[in-house]
Each structure stands twice: as structure tokens, then as C-alpha cells.
Amino acid sequence: MRFSILAATLAATPAIVSAAKGSQGFALGTKQASGECKTSQDYEDDFDAIASQSDAKIVRGYAAQDCDFAKNILPAAKSKGFKVLLGIWPDVEESFEGGKDAIAEVASDYTDVIYGVTVGSETLYRGNFTGSELHDKIEAVRKALPKGMKIGTADSWNKYADGTADAVITGGADLILINAFAFWQGASNENATHVYLDDMYQSVSHIEKLVEQAGIAMPEIWNGETGWPTAVGTDYDEAKGGIENAKLFFQNGFCSLLDWGYNAFYFEAFDEPWKPSSVGDNGKAADETTWGAFTADRKAKFNLKC
């Protein structure tokens, strides 16, 4: 279903859902709660927790070489029946080449497990590349990996909506991941679902128009990241952190997108207490340690089935 049709129908008849539900996934970190790198056994334990407490059978990572992510997670995923969307961090040449080599080393042995590869995560949002430059990075990765593997990128919704990513779309990216965080737009509980779906609507509508004008195939679209912090006091303007608020957004926002047939990754699977403190755009402390749908010891914080 075209997202423009979805949005119009959603406004008129919110109880109607599409016949085919979207796929639920989680973003997955490479480190244990202590900050030490995860082993294959750690990933098997992650998969067991995710499979038993949600409907997800796919996870995504960000840098294939970090903590030997690709090498350690792929055998665990194969044994547990999961797919993995691998990532390459292209912002500096060392990480770009390292990620590309890490995937190339194992790709032929795990073509049935690797769902695809994203080149970059919000690199257009940060202004590290132009759309054309990112397209060239994607094509370099495509040439290095087995033929037929899905290659794309992940970026903030507004970089798709405003045309910054047009060269990536028209250049033939197979996968487009759209990151949309109502929390980081300071949305209240009452407004969060609307903001989230409207972000997706604006970006997908632009992509649909661009594809139609160019006469090319529509790329596969996922919501690449969305989520809500669960620590009370982790606020951003009207967006308030806390388990109950995260639960509301998960059920009313994230699950709604899945119900309408769109695939989405929730950020993130598990809390990461090792992460250092950071500062948000509003100048306030931005605690990124409690965005997990699960605690660091793999206990679900609320019902994760949509």
C-alpha cells in the first residue's frame, strides 16, 4: 500500500489494518552490559530472549567489524533462525574499509542469514556526505559483496523528505531505512504517534513521487529506528522518559506501523549501561543507556508483541 493512501485511510478509519502485518525487528548492540564485546554465545542468548518475548526474527547492527560483530553474530543467528541486517560505518575510510572487509570475509558462507547491508547510519543527517557521495559508497560495497545481496542505507526521515537522499534513491539502493523518533522531536504522549507516522508519511511520500517520476523500482522500505527511553527524568521538551511512556509509544505508534504492513526496527533491543553520557540538541543531558525494550539482563520491560 502506498503510504499516502495509508495516511489518508488511517485518519478516517484507524481500526482498519492491512492483511499482511509488517516484520518486527530490533537494533542490537555489540557489547555486554560491562562494555566487553559480545561472544557468539551472548548473541544466542540475545536471540533466545527476543524470540521468546516478541515476534521479531531479524536484528540490525551498525558496524560489522566492531567487536567482530559479523563474525560472531552470523553463526548464532543461523543456529537460532534469525536474519541479520549488517551495517558499515562509512564516515571515515578506516571504518568503511574495515566494515566492507568484515562482511566480504563471511558473506558467501551466510547468504541465507544476511538480510542485507546498510552503508551509513544518519550520515546525511550529520552532513558527512552528499547524496551522490553516499551513492558511490553504496555501489563500492555492492561490487565487493556477492551478487544479489541487498544494499542500502539508513538516515533520518527529514533527509528523505527534503530530497537530500534523492541520489541514493534514483541510484538504485535496494534498502531504505527511515529513522523517525517522535521523542527527539519533543512530542508528548498524546502527540507522539501522530508525529511518528507523519514523519514516515512525509519521507515515504517523497520517495514514492521520486520513484514514479524516475520510472524506477520502489526500494524496500523499513522504519530503521524508533524508540523511547525508559528512565524517568530522561526528557526532551514535552517527551518524557519512563517505562509507561515507552510502552504507550510502542503499542500505539510502533505497533500501528506494523499493523499497516510496514517493516520496522525498534531501537533498541537491550539497555546498554556502558554508554557514556551525552548532550542533546537542547543542551540537556541525553541518557542513551535505557532505550532497550529489554533490560541489560534480557527481561522485557513490557509486552513486546504487537
Protein backbone atom coordinates (compact mmCIF):
# COMPACT_ATOMS: atom_id res chain seq x y z
CA MET A 1 0.00 0.00 0.00
CA ARG A 2 1.28 3.48 -0.85
CA PHE A 3 1.99 5.40 2.34
CA SER A 4 -0.03 8.38 1.11
CA ILE A 5 -3.10 6.11 0.88
CA LEU A 6 -2.25 4.63 4.29
CA ALA A 7 -2.14 8.03 5.95
CA ALA A 8 -5.45 9.15 4.50
CA THR A 9 -7.15 5.89 5.47
CA LEU A 10 -5.60 5.92 8.94
CA ALA A 11 -7.06 9.34 9.60
CA ALA A 12 -10.53 8.20 8.54
CA THR A 13 -10.68 4.62 9.82
CA PRO A 14 -7.97 3.91 12.41
CA ALA A 15 -9.40 0.47 13.24
CA ILE A 16 -8.71 -0.96 9.77
CA VAL A 17 -5.42 -2.81 9.32
CA SER A 18 -3.79 -4.33 6.26
CA ALA A 19 -3.92 -8.05 5.60
CA ALA A 20 -0.16 -8.54 5.82
CA LYS A 21 1.48 -7.38 9.02
CA GLY A 22 4.94 -5.85 8.80
CA SER A 23 8.06 -7.51 10.18
CA GLN A 24 9.23 -6.53 13.65
CA GLY A 25 12.95 -6.18 14.29
CA PHE A 26 15.37 -4.79 16.85
CA ALA A 27 18.59 -2.83 16.72
CA LEU A 28 21.24 -4.82 18.54
CA GLY A 29 24.45 -3.62 20.17
CA THR A 30 27.83 -5.35 20.13
CA LYS A 31 28.71 -5.04 23.81
CA GLN A 32 27.71 -6.65 27.08
CA ALA A 33 26.47 -4.51 29.95
CA SER A 34 30.06 -4.27 31.20
CA GLY A 35 31.27 -2.85 27.89
CA GLU A 36 33.08 -6.03 26.90
CA CYS A 37 32.48 -7.39 23.41
CA LYS A 38 29.73 -9.95 22.98
CA THR A 39 30.55 -13.53 22.03
CA SER A 40 28.55 -15.84 19.77
CA GLN A 41 27.03 -17.33 22.91
CA ASP A 42 25.92 -13.87 24.05
CA TYR A 43 24.15 -13.39 20.71
CA GLU A 44 22.48 -16.79 21.03
CA ASP A 45 21.20 -15.71 24.45
CA ASP A 46 20.01 -12.42 22.91
CA PHE A 47 18.12 -14.30 20.21
CA ASP A 48 16.52 -16.64 22.72
CA ALA A 49 15.21 -13.66 24.71
CA ILE A 50 13.95 -11.81 21.65
CA ALA A 51 12.25 -14.89 20.18
CA SER A 52 10.52 -15.84 23.43
CA GLN A 53 9.18 -12.37 24.24
CA SER A 54 8.46 -10.75 20.86
CA ASP A 55 7.59 -11.57 17.27
CA ALA A 56 10.95 -10.45 15.88
CA LYS A 57 13.17 -12.76 13.83
CA ILE A 58 15.52 -10.10 12.48
CA VAL A 59 18.04 -7.70 14.03
CA ARG A 60 20.23 -4.94 12.64
CA GLY A 61 23.73 -3.80 13.51
CA TYR A 62 25.78 -0.73 12.61
CA ALA A 63 29.45 -1.61 12.14
CA ALA A 64 30.24 -5.15 11.02
CA GLN A 65 33.82 -5.07 12.24
CA ASP A 66 33.09 -3.65 15.70
CA CYS A 67 33.76 -6.41 18.26
CA ASP A 68 33.84 -8.84 15.28
CA PHE A 69 30.07 -8.35 15.03
CA ALA A 70 29.58 -10.08 11.68
CA LYS A 71 31.86 -12.98 12.52
CA ASN A 72 30.24 -13.62 15.92
CA ILE A 73 26.57 -12.93 15.27
CA LEU A 74 26.03 -14.77 11.99
CA PRO A 75 26.63 -18.32 13.28
CA ALA A 76 24.44 -17.54 16.30
CA ALA A 77 21.70 -16.18 14.04
CA LYS A 78 21.86 -19.25 11.80
CA SER A 79 21.51 -21.59 14.76
CA LYS A 80 18.52 -19.63 16.13
CA GLY A 81 16.69 -18.97 12.86
CA PHE A 82 17.28 -15.21 12.73
CA LYS A 83 18.22 -12.85 9.90
CA VAL A 84 20.77 -10.07 10.35
CA LEU A 85 20.96 -6.71 8.61
CA LEU A 86 24.63 -5.79 8.77
CA GLY A 87 25.97 -2.25 8.76
CA ILE A 88 29.03 -0.40 7.52
CA TRP A 89 30.14 2.89 9.08
CA PRO A 90 31.48 4.86 6.07
CA ASP A 91 32.24 8.18 7.77
CA VAL A 92 36.00 7.54 7.82
CA GLU A 93 37.94 5.42 5.36
CA GLU A 94 39.27 3.05 8.02
CA SER A 95 35.81 2.05 9.26
CA PHE A 96 34.43 1.93 5.73
CA GLU A 97 37.09 -0.47 4.51
CA GLY A 98 37.05 -2.42 7.77
CA GLY A 99 33.30 -2.95 7.63
CA LYS A 100 33.34 -3.87 3.97
CA ASP A 101 36.15 -6.41 4.52
CA ALA A 102 34.47 -7.88 7.60
CA ILE A 103 31.30 -8.61 5.63
CA ALA A 104 33.10 -9.81 2.50
CA GLU A 105 35.02 -12.31 4.62
CA VAL A 106 31.86 -14.12 5.77
CA ALA A 107 29.20 -13.18 3.21
CA SER A 108 29.49 -16.26 0.98
CA ASP A 109 29.06 -18.59 3.96
CA TYR A 110 25.98 -16.82 5.33
CA THR A 111 23.97 -15.60 2.33
CA ASP A 112 20.91 -17.27 3.87
CA VAL A 113 21.34 -15.32 7.14
CA ILE A 114 22.43 -11.87 5.91
CA TYR A 115 19.26 -9.93 5.10
CA GLY A 116 21.24 -7.11 3.57
CA VAL A 117 23.76 -4.36 4.29
CA THR A 118 23.28 -0.71 5.19
CA VAL A 119 26.06 1.71 4.29
CA GLY A 120 25.88 4.55 6.76
CA SER A 121 23.60 5.47 9.64
CA GLU A 122 22.37 9.09 9.52
CA THR A 123 25.47 10.14 7.62
CA LEU A 124 23.39 12.56 5.51
CA TYR A 125 21.80 13.97 8.67
CA ARG A 126 25.27 14.68 10.05
CA GLY A 127 26.37 16.19 6.74
CA ASN A 128 29.27 13.80 6.26
CA PHE A 129 28.34 13.06 2.65
CA THR A 130 26.15 14.39 -0.11
CA GLY A 131 23.57 12.04 -1.58
CA SER A 132 25.82 11.41 -4.58
CA GLU A 133 28.83 10.65 -2.39
CA LEU A 134 26.82 8.19 -0.32
CA HIS A 135 25.53 6.55 -3.50
CA ASP A 136 29.13 5.97 -4.60
CA LYS A 137 29.91 4.33 -1.24
CA ILE A 138 26.89 2.05 -1.61
CA GLU A 139 27.97 0.99 -5.09
CA ALA A 140 31.52 0.27 -3.88
CA VAL A 141 30.07 -2.07 -1.27
CA ARG A 142 27.80 -3.71 -3.84
CA LYS A 143 30.82 -4.58 -6.01
CA ALA A 144 32.65 -6.13 -3.03
CA LEU A 145 29.84 -8.46 -1.93
CA PRO A 146 28.07 -11.44 -3.51
CA LYS A 147 25.78 -10.60 -6.39
CA GLY A 148 22.15 -10.13 -5.42
CA MET A 149 22.78 -9.03 -1.83
CA LYS A 150 20.52 -6.13 -0.81
CA ILE A 151 22.48 -2.91 -0.23
CA GLY A 152 21.14 0.40 1.05
CA THR A 153 21.39 2.98 3.79
CA ALA A 154 19.71 4.34 6.93
CA ASP A 155 19.06 8.02 7.59
CA SER A 156 16.81 10.49 9.35
CA TRP A 157 13.30 10.88 7.94
CA ASN A 158 13.79 14.55 7.05
CA LYS A 159 16.77 13.79 4.80
CA TYR A 160 14.46 11.67 2.66
CA ALA A 161 11.59 14.15 2.83
CA ASP A 162 13.70 17.18 1.80
CA GLY A 163 15.42 15.49 -1.16
CA THR A 164 18.91 15.19 0.36
CA ALA A 165 18.86 11.42 -0.31
CA ASP A 166 17.45 11.63 -3.86
CA ALA A 167 20.69 10.46 -5.48
CA VAL A 168 20.66 7.35 -3.28
CA ILE A 169 17.06 6.55 -4.27
CA THR A 170 17.46 7.13 -8.00
CA GLY A 171 20.85 5.41 -7.91
CA GLY A 172 19.18 2.09 -7.17
CA ALA A 173 19.55 1.45 -3.45
CA ASP A 174 17.73 -1.78 -2.58
CA LEU A 175 17.03 -0.94 1.05
CA ILE A 176 15.97 2.38 2.53
CA LEU A 177 15.78 2.63 6.31
CA ILE A 178 13.97 5.68 7.66
CA ASN A 179 14.77 6.71 11.23
CA ALA A 180 11.89 8.53 12.94
CA PHE A 181 11.98 9.47 16.62
CA ALA A 182 8.98 11.37 17.97
CA PHE A 183 10.89 11.53 21.25
CA TRP A 184 13.72 13.60 19.77
CA GLN A 185 11.12 15.99 18.37
CA GLY A 186 9.87 16.60 21.89
CA ALA A 187 6.47 15.02 21.30
CA SER A 188 4.12 14.48 24.22
CA ASN A 189 2.46 11.11 24.86
CA GLU A 190 -0.71 12.40 23.22
CA ASN A 191 1.10 13.56 20.09
CA ALA A 192 3.89 11.00 19.70
CA THR A 193 2.09 8.54 17.42
CA HIS A 194 0.92 11.34 15.13
CA VAL A 195 4.43 12.80 14.88
CA TYR A 196 5.95 9.38 14.21
CA LEU A 197 3.50 8.39 11.47
CA ASP A 198 3.64 11.85 9.92
CA ASP A 199 7.46 11.65 9.73
CA MET A 200 7.15 8.34 7.94
CA TYR A 201 4.41 9.73 5.69
CA GLN A 202 6.47 12.73 4.61
CA SER A 203 9.56 10.70 3.79
CA VAL A 204 7.84 7.78 2.06
CA SER A 205 5.56 10.08 0.08
CA HIS A 206 8.60 11.90 -1.31
CA ILE A 207 10.27 8.60 -2.18
CA GLU A 208 7.09 7.37 -3.91
CA LYS A 209 6.88 10.51 -6.04
CA LEU A 210 10.57 10.37 -6.92
CA VAL A 211 10.38 6.72 -7.93
CA GLU A 212 7.31 7.34 -10.05
CA GLN A 213 8.90 10.30 -11.83
CA ALA A 214 12.12 8.39 -12.48
CA GLY A 215 10.33 5.25 -13.64
CA ILE A 216 12.37 3.01 -11.39
CA ALA A 217 11.59 0.19 -8.99
CA MET A 218 10.49 1.10 -5.47
CA PRO A 219 13.20 0.26 -2.92
CA GLU A 220 12.33 -1.87 0.08
CA ILE A 221 11.47 0.50 2.91
CA TRP A 222 11.82 -0.08 6.63
CA ASN A 223 11.47 2.18 9.60
CA GLY A 224 15.12 1.88 10.56
CA GLU A 225 14.89 3.19 14.10
CA THR A 226 12.31 4.43 16.51
CA GLY A 227 12.00 4.11 20.26
CA TRP A 228 11.56 5.72 23.65
CA PRO A 229 13.83 5.82 26.73
CA THR A 230 12.50 4.10 29.83
CA ALA A 231 14.34 6.00 32.57
CA VAL A 232 12.19 8.57 34.40
CA GLY A 233 13.76 12.01 34.05
CA THR A 234 15.19 11.27 30.59
CA ASP A 235 13.15 14.01 28.97
CA TYR A 236 13.34 16.06 25.77
CA ASP A 237 10.98 19.04 25.86
CA GLU A 238 7.46 17.52 26.13
CA ALA A 239 8.72 13.97 25.56
CA LYS A 240 9.07 12.28 28.94
CA GLY A 241 11.09 9.16 29.59
CA GLY A 242 9.69 6.24 31.57
CA ILE A 243 8.55 2.67 31.11
CA GLU A 244 4.85 3.53 30.89
CA ASN A 245 5.50 6.21 28.27
CA ALA A 246 7.72 3.86 26.28
CA LYS A 247 5.01 1.19 26.48
CA LEU A 248 2.41 3.63 25.15
CA PHE A 249 4.58 4.62 22.22
CA PHE A 250 5.45 1.02 21.42
CA GLN A 251 1.83 -0.09 21.42
CA ASN A 252 0.22 2.96 19.81
CA GLY A 253 2.99 4.04 17.44
CA PHE A 254 5.39 1.22 16.60
CA CYS A 255 2.74 -1.49 16.54
CA SER A 256 0.43 0.69 14.43
CA LEU A 257 3.05 0.91 11.68
CA LEU A 258 3.49 -2.86 11.75
CA ASP A 259 -0.28 -3.36 11.64
CA TRP A 260 -0.36 -1.32 8.45
CA GLY A 261 2.10 -3.67 6.80
CA TYR A 262 5.32 -1.69 7.18
CA ASN A 263 8.52 -3.25 8.49
CA ALA A 264 10.21 -1.58 11.45
CA PHE A 265 13.22 -1.90 13.76
CA TYR A 266 12.78 -0.80 17.36
CA PHE A 267 15.74 0.96 18.93
CA GLU A 268 16.88 -0.94 20.71
CA ALA A 269 16.74 -4.49 21.97
CA PHE A 270 18.67 -4.25 25.26
CA ASP A 271 19.74 -1.48 27.63
CA GLU A 272 23.39 -0.51 27.24
CA PRO A 273 24.59 0.78 30.64
CA TRP A 274 28.17 1.04 29.37
CA LYS A 275 27.34 4.02 27.13
CA PRO A 276 28.81 7.38 28.19
CA SER A 277 26.67 10.42 28.94
CA SER A 278 25.87 12.74 26.06
CA VAL A 279 24.15 16.08 25.48
CA GLY A 280 21.09 16.55 23.29
CA ASP A 281 20.41 19.35 20.82
CA ASN A 282 18.56 21.24 23.54
CA GLY A 283 21.71 21.35 25.69
CA LYS A 284 20.37 18.93 28.28
CA ALA A 285 21.86 15.61 29.30
CA ALA A 286 20.76 12.84 26.95
CA ASP A 287 20.99 9.47 28.67
CA GLU A 288 21.16 6.78 25.99
CA THR A 289 21.60 3.81 28.33
CA THR A 290 17.92 2.91 28.82
CA TRP A 291 16.44 2.77 25.32
CA GLY A 292 16.17 -1.01 25.46
CA ALA A 293 12.86 -2.82 25.17
CA PHE A 294 14.62 -5.33 27.42
CA THR A 295 16.81 -4.73 30.45
CA ALA A 296 20.51 -5.49 30.08
CA ASP A 297 19.84 -8.92 31.60
CA ARG A 298 17.27 -9.64 28.86
CA LYS A 299 13.98 -9.14 30.69
CA ALA A 300 11.21 -7.49 28.66
CA LYS A 301 10.08 -4.19 30.18
CA PHE A 302 6.55 -4.54 28.80
CA ASN A 303 4.60 -6.66 26.32
CA LEU A 304 6.63 -6.66 23.08
CA LYS A 305 4.13 -8.49 20.89
CA CYS A 306 2.09 -6.34 18.54
